[in-house]
Protein backbone atom coordinates (compact mmCIF):
# COMPACT_ATOMS: atom_id res chain seq x y z
CA MET A 1 17.83 3.72 25.37
CA THR A 2 19.18 6.38 22.87
CA ASP A 3 19.58 5.12 19.21
CA PRO A 4 23.39 4.69 18.87
CA ALA A 5 23.06 5.43 14.98
CA ASN A 6 24.29 8.94 15.59
CA GLY A 7 26.76 8.05 18.41
CA LEU A 8 30.39 7.75 18.76
CA ALA A 9 32.52 4.90 19.96
CA LEU A 10 35.79 5.87 21.10
CA LEU A 11 38.68 3.20 21.42
CA LEU A 12 41.54 4.77 23.64
CA CYS A 13 44.78 2.88 23.25
CA ASP A 14 47.28 5.46 23.80
CA ALA A 15 48.00 7.35 27.16
CA HIS A 16 49.74 10.19 25.66
CA PRO A 17 48.11 13.24 27.16
CA ASP A 18 47.47 15.01 23.94
CA ARG A 19 45.68 11.96 22.47
CA LEU A 20 43.51 11.54 25.59
CA HIS A 21 42.71 15.30 25.50
CA ALA A 22 41.50 15.06 22.00
CA ALA A 23 39.45 12.10 22.72
CA PHE A 24 37.78 13.64 25.87
CA LEU A 25 37.29 16.87 23.95
CA LEU A 26 35.40 14.93 21.16
CA ALA A 27 33.58 12.93 23.61
CA ALA A 28 32.28 15.95 25.61
CA GLY A 29 31.31 17.77 22.31
CA ALA A 30 29.28 14.82 21.12
CA LEU A 31 27.65 14.68 24.56
CA ALA A 32 26.83 18.20 24.47
CA LEU A 33 25.02 17.69 21.21
CA ASP A 34 23.19 14.85 22.63
CA ARG A 35 24.82 12.15 20.78
CA PRO A 36 25.62 9.11 22.63
CA VAL A 37 29.16 8.31 23.45
CA LEU A 38 30.79 4.89 24.40
CA VAL A 39 34.34 5.02 25.60
CA PHE A 40 36.32 2.06 25.64
CA ALA A 41 39.94 2.13 27.01
CA THR A 42 42.56 -0.53 26.86
CA GLY A 43 46.30 -0.71 27.61
CA PRO A 44 48.16 2.17 29.17
CA ALA A 45 44.90 4.32 28.41
CA ALA A 46 42.98 2.29 30.85
CA ALA A 47 44.76 4.39 33.55
CA ALA A 48 42.73 7.37 32.43
CA LEU A 49 39.30 5.73 33.92
CA CYS A 50 40.97 5.04 37.04
CA ARG A 51 40.37 7.24 40.14
CA ASP A 52 44.02 7.98 40.42
CA ALA A 53 44.98 8.88 36.87
CA SER A 54 48.10 10.71 37.83
CA SER A 55 50.09 8.43 35.68
CA VAL A 56 48.54 9.70 32.64
CA PHE A 57 47.15 13.13 33.81
CA HIS A 58 50.38 14.83 34.54
CA LEU A 59 49.99 17.73 37.13
CA ASP A 60 52.27 20.17 35.31
CA GLU A 61 50.49 19.85 32.09
CA GLU A 62 47.07 19.97 33.78
CA GLU A 63 48.30 23.28 35.60
CA ARG A 64 49.33 24.68 32.17
CA LEU A 65 46.20 23.89 30.35
CA ALA A 66 44.16 25.48 33.26
CA GLU A 67 46.15 28.60 33.25
CA ARG A 68 45.47 29.08 29.66
CA GLY A 69 41.83 28.63 29.98
CA VAL A 70 41.70 25.07 28.40
CA ALA A 71 39.66 22.38 30.02
CA THR A 72 42.11 19.93 31.58
CA LEU A 73 41.89 16.12 31.23
CA ALA A 74 40.40 15.85 34.61
CA THR A 75 37.66 18.37 33.96
CA LEU A 76 36.71 16.77 30.54
CA ARG A 77 36.77 13.36 32.23
CA ASP A 78 34.44 14.78 35.09
CA ALA A 79 32.23 16.05 31.95
CA LEU A 80 32.09 12.56 30.40
CA VAL A 81 30.89 11.17 33.67
CA LEU A 82 28.38 13.97 34.38
CA MET A 83 26.87 13.92 30.83
CA GLU A 84 26.62 9.96 31.31
CA ALA A 85 29.01 8.70 28.82
CA GLU A 86 29.10 4.83 28.74
CA LEU A 87 32.50 4.17 30.17
CA MET A 88 34.24 0.74 29.69
CA VAL A 89 37.75 -0.71 30.40
CA CYS A 90 39.24 -3.69 28.74
CA GLU A 91 39.88 -6.61 30.87
CA THR A 92 42.92 -7.37 29.53
CA GLY A 93 44.03 -3.64 29.39
CA LEU A 94 43.35 -3.18 33.17
CA ARG A 95 45.61 -6.25 33.96
CA ARG A 96 48.33 -4.80 31.81
CA ILE A 97 48.60 -1.68 33.84
CA ALA A 98 48.50 -3.89 36.96
CA ARG A 99 45.18 -2.06 38.26
CA GLU A 100 41.99 -3.71 39.73
CA GLU A 101 38.34 -2.99 39.01
CA SER A 102 38.29 -1.38 42.48
CA ASP A 103 40.57 1.35 40.89
CA LEU A 104 38.10 2.54 38.59
CA LEU A 105 35.95 5.55 38.55
CA ASP A 106 32.47 4.65 39.78
CA GLY A 107 30.21 3.35 36.90
CA VAL A 108 33.14 2.25 34.73
CA LYS A 109 32.40 -1.31 33.47
CA VAL A 110 35.06 -3.88 32.73
CA VAL A 111 34.39 -5.77 29.74
CA GLY A 112 36.08 -7.63 26.68
CA ILE A 113 36.63 -6.49 23.10
CA PRO A 114 33.39 -8.58 22.18
CA THR A 115 31.21 -6.54 24.43
CA PHE A 116 32.76 -3.32 23.21
CA LEU A 117 32.12 -4.40 19.61
CA ASP A 118 28.58 -5.21 20.47
CA ARG A 119 27.90 -1.97 22.12
CA ALA A 120 29.65 -0.01 19.21
CA GLN A 121 27.57 -1.56 16.65
CA GLY A 122 25.89 1.16 14.52
CA ARG A 123 28.18 4.04 15.85
CA GLN A 124 31.05 5.94 14.21
CA ILE A 125 34.30 4.28 15.75
CA VAL A 126 37.14 6.72 16.38
CA SER A 127 40.44 5.40 17.93
CA PHE A 128 43.12 7.38 19.90
C-alpha cells in the first residue's frame, strides 16, 4: 500500500460543475505525480460518482469544455478511475440523492464518515 503521508483526501460536498472540475483536476494532477488520492463524495456530489452523472455533468457545459480543449468532468473522472484513485460515496449522501449502490461506478465503495476519516488519516484534506 502507498504511504498516504503525501496523499490527498478530497471531500466533495457540492455538485456545482466548477467545484467538481477543480476537485477532479486536482486529484488527477496528484495521481499523475504518484500521490495517493482518496475521493469521498457526499450529498449532491455523490451523483458525480454514479454511472449516470447527467444531473451534475451538464452536456452543454461538457461540450463547451471539449471545444476549448479542456478536459471534461467525464474525462477527468475516467482518469481518476484509470489512475486508481480510491473512490468512496457517503452512505447518507447516496440516500439524500435517492440513488442506490448499484447506480455507482464500478469500484466505488459506500462508506460512512468514520471510514473516510480513518482512510484520510495522514493525508491533506481538501473540501469542495
